[in-house]
């Protein structure tokens, strides 16, 4: 029986769909994490932070930045999974070393492509925790991006991307074991 291969387009599609599920599920935790990191207080627990979000913003508050989270998954996850599978499909090697290198390359490219969405996600999730006069009151992903471009130019969308790219190149090897 011949081995069937999944077309790369299907890999990208399923990567995007799985990423959407992850974004919706993980968004409240991501928001709490970002707010705690920006607060800089070690005494605040995740539970206290979550209670504060619920008290001041309601359940909808946990989904501030969801459009950016979805965009991040659609860009980063689909790129990462698609490139990884494409590299494996086109290779003659199935060695651990090649898989490791492929995962690193795929993760790095995905991180670069997803960086503007990641930047928007952080900005949107922490905006309401800032003092009122410092808030941007972002409405959606496009509002964040247009604000960044006005303030810092197009390059500003990739602010902080190099550490993210490096992190994925060095540490993101979970694809190796699939």
Protein backbone atom coordinates (compact mmCIF):
# COMPACT_ATOMS: atom_id res chain seq x y z
CA UNK A 1 0.00 0.00 0.00
CA UNK A 2 1.56 3.35 -1.02
CA UNK A 3 2.27 5.90 1.68
CA UNK A 4 -0.14 8.83 1.41
CA UNK A 5 1.14 12.34 1.87
CA UNK A 6 -0.88 15.27 3.04
CA UNK A 7 -0.73 18.24 0.66
CA UNK A 8 1.09 21.25 2.09
CA UNK A 9 -2.03 23.39 1.65
CA UNK A 10 -3.95 21.03 3.95
CA UNK A 11 -1.13 21.25 6.51
CA UNK A 12 -1.38 25.05 6.44
CA UNK A 13 -5.19 24.86 6.73
CA UNK A 14 -5.19 22.46 9.68
CA UNK A 15 -2.39 24.41 11.35
CA UNK A 16 -4.50 27.55 11.12
CA UNK A 17 -7.64 25.84 12.41
CA UNK A 18 -5.79 24.31 15.36
CA UNK A 19 -4.21 27.69 16.06
CA UNK A 20 -7.64 29.34 16.16
CA UNK A 21 -8.79 26.85 18.78
CA UNK A 22 -5.64 27.49 20.78
CA UNK A 23 -6.09 31.27 20.54
CA UNK A 24 -9.65 31.22 21.83
CA UNK A 25 -8.80 28.78 24.62
CA UNK A 26 -5.55 30.38 25.78
CA UNK A 27 -6.51 34.06 25.41
CA UNK A 28 -7.65 34.57 29.03
CA UNK A 29 -4.41 33.03 30.33
CA UNK A 30 -2.32 35.08 27.90
CA UNK A 31 -4.05 38.26 29.03
CA UNK A 32 -3.44 37.49 32.72
CA UNK A 33 0.22 36.61 32.00
CA UNK A 34 0.83 39.85 30.08
CA UNK A 35 -0.87 41.97 32.73
CA UNK A 36 1.12 40.33 35.51
CA UNK A 37 4.38 40.84 33.63
CA UNK A 38 3.62 44.51 33.09
CA UNK A 39 2.51 45.06 36.68
CA UNK A 40 5.90 43.88 37.90
CA UNK A 41 4.63 42.86 41.31
CA UNK A 42 5.63 39.42 42.52
CA UNK A 43 2.98 39.32 45.22
CA UNK A 44 0.08 39.33 42.76
CA UNK A 45 -1.13 35.84 41.96
CA UNK A 46 -2.72 34.74 38.69
CA UNK A 47 -5.99 34.28 40.53
CA UNK A 48 -5.93 37.83 41.97
CA UNK A 49 -5.11 39.25 38.57
CA UNK A 50 -7.93 37.28 36.93
CA UNK A 51 -10.38 38.42 39.62
CA UNK A 52 -9.34 42.05 39.03
CA UNK A 53 -9.92 41.68 35.28
CA UNK A 54 -13.33 40.14 35.89
CA UNK A 55 -14.29 42.81 38.44
CA UNK A 56 -13.29 45.77 36.25
CA UNK A 57 -13.96 44.47 32.73
CA UNK A 58 -16.27 41.48 33.05
CA UNK A 59 -15.91 38.23 31.11
CA UNK A 60 -15.34 40.12 27.86
CA UNK A 61 -12.22 41.66 29.39
CA UNK A 62 -10.45 38.30 29.21
CA UNK A 63 -10.74 38.46 25.43
CA UNK A 64 -9.13 41.87 24.93
CA UNK A 65 -6.69 41.28 22.11
CA UNK A 66 -8.45 38.23 20.68
CA UNK A 67 -8.22 39.59 17.11
CA UNK A 68 -4.44 39.88 17.50
CA UNK A 69 -4.23 36.42 19.05
CA UNK A 70 -6.15 34.94 16.12
CA UNK A 71 -3.96 36.83 13.63
CA UNK A 72 -0.87 35.54 15.44
CA UNK A 73 -2.07 31.97 15.15
CA UNK A 74 -3.03 32.38 11.49
CA UNK A 75 0.38 33.83 10.66
CA UNK A 76 2.82 32.18 13.05
CA UNK A 77 1.24 28.73 13.44
CA UNK A 78 0.32 28.17 9.81
CA UNK A 79 3.75 29.35 8.64
CA UNK A 80 5.63 27.26 11.20
CA UNK A 81 3.73 24.03 10.59
CA UNK A 82 3.56 24.52 6.83
CA UNK A 83 7.27 25.24 6.40
CA UNK A 84 8.26 22.40 8.71
CA UNK A 85 6.18 19.88 6.77
CA UNK A 86 7.35 21.28 3.45
CA UNK A 87 11.01 20.92 4.53
CA UNK A 88 10.44 17.34 5.66
CA UNK A 89 8.49 16.45 2.52
CA UNK A 90 11.23 17.79 0.21
CA UNK A 91 14.09 16.20 2.10
CA UNK A 92 15.83 12.91 1.52
CA UNK A 93 16.83 12.88 5.19
CA UNK A 94 14.63 11.85 8.08
CA UNK A 95 17.36 12.20 10.70
CA UNK A 96 16.83 13.78 14.07
CA UNK A 97 19.42 16.43 13.23
CA UNK A 98 17.56 17.43 10.04
CA UNK A 99 14.24 17.54 11.88
CA UNK A 100 15.81 19.73 14.56
CA UNK A 101 17.19 22.15 11.96
CA UNK A 102 13.88 22.16 10.06
CA UNK A 103 11.95 22.93 13.25
CA UNK A 104 14.33 25.76 14.05
CA UNK A 105 14.08 27.29 10.58
CA UNK A 106 10.29 26.90 10.48
CA UNK A 107 9.90 28.39 13.96
CA UNK A 108 12.16 31.33 13.13
CA UNK A 109 10.36 32.18 9.89
CA UNK A 110 7.01 31.78 11.65
CA UNK A 111 8.18 34.09 14.45
CA UNK A 112 9.20 36.73 11.92
CA UNK A 113 5.88 36.50 10.05
CA UNK A 114 3.86 36.49 13.29
CA UNK A 115 5.78 39.29 15.02
CA UNK A 116 3.40 42.16 14.11
CA UNK A 117 0.48 40.16 15.48
CA UNK A 118 2.42 39.26 18.61
CA UNK A 119 3.25 42.92 19.19
CA UNK A 120 -0.42 43.83 18.76
CA UNK A 121 -1.47 41.06 21.15
CA UNK A 122 0.77 42.37 23.94
CA UNK A 123 -0.31 45.96 23.40
CA UNK A 124 -4.00 45.07 23.37
CA UNK A 125 -3.85 42.85 26.44
CA UNK A 126 -2.05 45.38 28.63
CA UNK A 127 -3.75 48.56 27.40
CA UNK A 128 -6.57 48.58 29.98
CA UNK A 129 -4.13 47.95 32.81
CA UNK A 130 -2.28 51.21 32.06
CA UNK A 131 -3.18 54.54 33.67
CA UNK A 132 -6.07 56.13 31.74
CA UNK A 133 -3.98 58.92 30.23
CA UNK A 134 -1.47 56.37 28.87
CA UNK A 135 -4.03 54.10 27.22
CA UNK A 136 -4.43 53.86 23.47
CA UNK A 137 -7.93 52.28 23.72
CA UNK A 138 -7.22 49.95 20.85
CA UNK A 139 -10.36 48.84 19.04
CA UNK A 140 -8.87 45.95 17.07
CA UNK A 141 -5.77 44.57 15.41
CA UNK A 142 -5.87 47.11 12.56
CA UNK A 143 -6.04 50.00 15.03
CA UNK A 144 -2.89 48.75 16.80
CA UNK A 145 -1.02 48.28 13.55
CA UNK A 146 -2.00 51.70 12.18
CA UNK A 147 -0.99 53.34 15.49
CA UNK A 148 2.40 51.61 15.45
CA UNK A 149 3.02 52.54 11.81
CA UNK A 150 2.12 56.20 12.50
CA UNK A 151 4.43 56.33 15.54
CA UNK A 152 7.35 54.16 14.44
CA UNK A 153 6.93 53.42 10.74
CA UNK A 154 6.42 49.98 9.22
CA UNK A 155 9.60 48.70 10.88
CA UNK A 156 7.92 49.33 14.23
CA UNK A 157 5.68 46.32 13.60
CA UNK A 158 8.77 44.14 14.10
CA UNK A 159 9.96 45.85 17.30
CA UNK A 160 11.32 43.15 19.58
CA UNK A 161 11.18 40.49 16.89
CA UNK A 162 14.85 39.46 17.00
CA UNK A 163 14.70 37.92 20.49
CA UNK A 164 11.50 36.12 19.48
CA UNK A 165 13.07 34.78 16.30
CA UNK A 166 16.16 33.73 18.19
CA UNK A 167 14.03 32.03 20.86
CA UNK A 168 12.23 29.98 18.25
CA UNK A 169 15.42 29.07 16.46
CA UNK A 170 17.14 27.89 19.60
CA UNK A 171 14.33 26.50 21.73
CA UNK A 172 11.29 25.58 19.62
CA UNK A 173 11.90 21.94 18.85
CA UNK A 174 8.54 20.45 19.75
CA UNK A 175 7.94 19.74 16.06
CA UNK A 176 10.89 17.33 16.07
CA UNK A 177 8.96 14.82 18.11
CA UNK A 178 5.79 14.75 15.97
